[in-house]
Amino acid sequence: MKDRRRSHVWGIIAEYLCMALLVVKGYTILARRHRNHGGEIDIIARRGGVVAFIEVKARASAKDALESVTADKCVRLQRAAEGFVASHPRYAQLDLRFDVMVITSPFTIHHLQDAWRAE
């Protein structure tokens, strides 16, 4: 149980670190851990005319993190993004993008923009 708790806390820390980096890069954080019928989105951020739906993964290696973003996970994120836009129609006219942010020890953050396209 301690390992599970440690992983959960590390995941929360990773999300906050990623949000801080996004703010430094000029993004506005719209939501964190947004949940709806489609699923959960770790971070939703806007910069200019783009709304980014961001999956955060904290792993020992970037490869492990990227491999954990499966096709099923992408579909769930797309559904959750559709739900977000439906409940916030002011964002419907903006470009919607799916990103992955990977954090590895010791606090290295990789931001993969436009990681996949909605189908």
Protein backbone atom coordinates (compact mmCIF):
# COMPACT_ATOMS: atom_id res chain seq x y z
CA MET A 1 0.00 0.00 0.00
CA LYS A 2 2.88 2.37 0.68
CA ASP A 3 4.10 2.04 -2.92
CA ARG A 4 0.64 2.90 -4.24
CA ARG A 5 0.43 5.96 -1.98
CA ARG A 6 3.93 7.04 -3.00
CA SER A 7 3.00 6.73 -6.69
CA HIS A 8 -0.14 8.79 -6.13
CA VAL A 9 1.77 11.56 -4.35
CA TRP A 10 4.47 11.53 -7.05
CA GLY A 11 1.75 11.86 -9.69
CA ILE A 12 0.29 14.93 -7.97
CA ILE A 13 3.75 16.50 -7.65
CA ALA A 14 4.39 15.79 -11.34
CA GLU A 15 1.15 17.53 -12.33
CA TYR A 16 2.06 20.64 -10.32
CA LEU A 17 5.56 20.73 -11.81
CA CYS A 18 4.10 20.43 -15.31
CA MET A 19 1.59 23.19 -14.61
CA ALA A 20 4.39 25.46 -13.40
CA LEU A 21 6.35 24.82 -16.59
CA LEU A 22 3.27 25.51 -18.71
CA VAL A 23 2.69 28.84 -16.96
CA VAL A 24 6.33 29.80 -17.56
CA LYS A 25 5.81 28.91 -21.24
CA GLY A 26 2.84 31.30 -21.42
CA TYR A 27 -0.09 28.95 -20.95
CA THR A 28 -3.15 29.67 -18.83
CA ILE A 29 -4.32 26.68 -16.81
CA LEU A 30 -8.04 26.16 -17.44
CA ALA A 31 -8.51 23.03 -15.37
CA ARG A 32 -6.66 20.35 -13.45
CA ARG A 33 -7.96 16.80 -13.08
CA HIS A 34 -11.07 17.62 -15.05
CA ARG A 35 -13.57 14.74 -14.90
CA ASN A 36 -16.68 14.11 -16.92
CA HIS A 37 -18.54 11.17 -18.47
CA GLY A 38 -15.66 10.60 -20.91
CA GLY A 39 -12.89 10.31 -18.34
CA GLU A 40 -10.28 12.47 -16.67
CA ILE A 41 -7.89 14.98 -18.17
CA ASP A 42 -4.84 15.80 -16.06
CA ILE A 43 -4.36 19.37 -17.28
CA ILE A 44 -6.27 21.60 -19.68
CA ALA A 45 -4.32 24.69 -20.71
CA ARG A 46 -4.68 27.48 -23.22
CA ARG A 47 -2.11 29.54 -25.07
CA GLY A 48 -3.32 31.87 -27.76
CA GLY A 49 -5.78 30.09 -30.04
CA VAL A 50 -4.90 26.59 -28.80
CA VAL A 51 -6.46 24.54 -26.02
CA ALA A 52 -4.17 21.67 -24.99
CA PHE A 53 -5.52 18.58 -23.26
CA ILE A 54 -2.50 17.20 -21.45
CA GLU A 55 -1.81 13.75 -20.08
CA VAL A 56 0.92 13.77 -17.42
CA LYS A 57 3.03 10.67 -16.85
CA ALA A 58 5.69 10.28 -14.18
CA ARG A 59 7.94 7.30 -14.81
CA ALA A 60 11.53 6.18 -14.44
CA SER A 61 12.11 6.68 -18.16
CA ALA A 62 10.48 8.71 -20.91
CA LYS A 63 10.07 5.54 -22.98
CA ASP A 64 8.09 3.83 -20.19
CA ALA A 65 5.92 6.91 -19.80
CA LEU A 66 5.12 7.22 -23.50
CA GLU A 67 4.35 3.51 -23.76
CA SER A 68 1.78 3.90 -20.98
CA VAL A 69 -0.31 6.24 -23.17
CA THR A 70 -2.20 3.52 -24.98
CA ALA A 71 -4.69 3.81 -27.83
CA ASP A 72 -7.53 3.18 -25.35
CA LYS A 73 -6.22 6.00 -23.13
CA CYS A 74 -6.15 8.35 -26.14
CA VAL A 75 -9.77 7.51 -26.95
CA ARG A 76 -10.83 8.18 -23.34
CA LEU A 77 -8.99 11.51 -23.35
CA GLN A 78 -10.65 12.49 -26.63
CA ARG A 79 -14.08 11.71 -25.17
CA ALA A 80 -13.29 13.70 -22.04
CA ALA A 81 -12.08 16.60 -24.22
CA GLU A 82 -15.32 16.50 -26.20
CA GLY A 83 -17.23 16.69 -22.92
CA PHE A 84 -15.16 19.65 -21.77
CA VAL A 85 -15.75 21.57 -24.99
CA ALA A 86 -19.47 20.73 -24.90
CA SER A 87 -19.73 22.23 -21.41
CA HIS A 88 -17.45 25.19 -22.31
CA PRO A 89 -18.58 26.14 -25.84
CA ARG A 90 -16.40 29.29 -25.89
CA TYR A 91 -13.44 26.99 -26.62
CA ALA A 92 -15.10 25.13 -29.52
CA GLN A 93 -13.71 27.53 -32.15
CA LEU A 94 -10.11 27.19 -30.95
CA ASP A 95 -7.59 24.60 -32.10
CA LEU A 96 -7.73 21.54 -29.86
CA ARG A 97 -4.52 19.65 -29.23
CA PHE A 98 -3.53 16.54 -27.28
CA ASP A 99 -0.18 16.71 -25.51
CA VAL A 100 1.78 14.40 -23.23
CA MET A 101 4.07 15.70 -20.53
CA VAL A 102 6.55 13.22 -19.12
CA ILE A 103 8.45 13.78 -15.92
CA THR A 104 11.38 11.58 -15.03
CA SER A 105 13.78 11.65 -12.11
CA PRO A 106 15.44 13.92 -11.22
CA PHE A 107 12.73 16.36 -12.31
CA THR A 108 13.28 16.33 -16.05
CA ILE A 109 10.16 17.38 -17.92
CA HIS A 110 9.51 16.56 -21.57
CA HIS A 111 6.57 18.26 -23.30
CA LEU A 112 5.41 16.40 -26.39
CA GLN A 113 3.04 18.78 -28.16
CA ASP A 114 0.43 17.43 -30.55
CA ALA A 115 1.15 13.87 -29.45
CA TRP A 116 -1.82 12.51 -31.41
CA ARG A 117 -4.81 13.70 -33.39
CA ALA A 118 -8.45 13.10 -32.55
CA GLU A 119 -10.16 10.82 -35.02
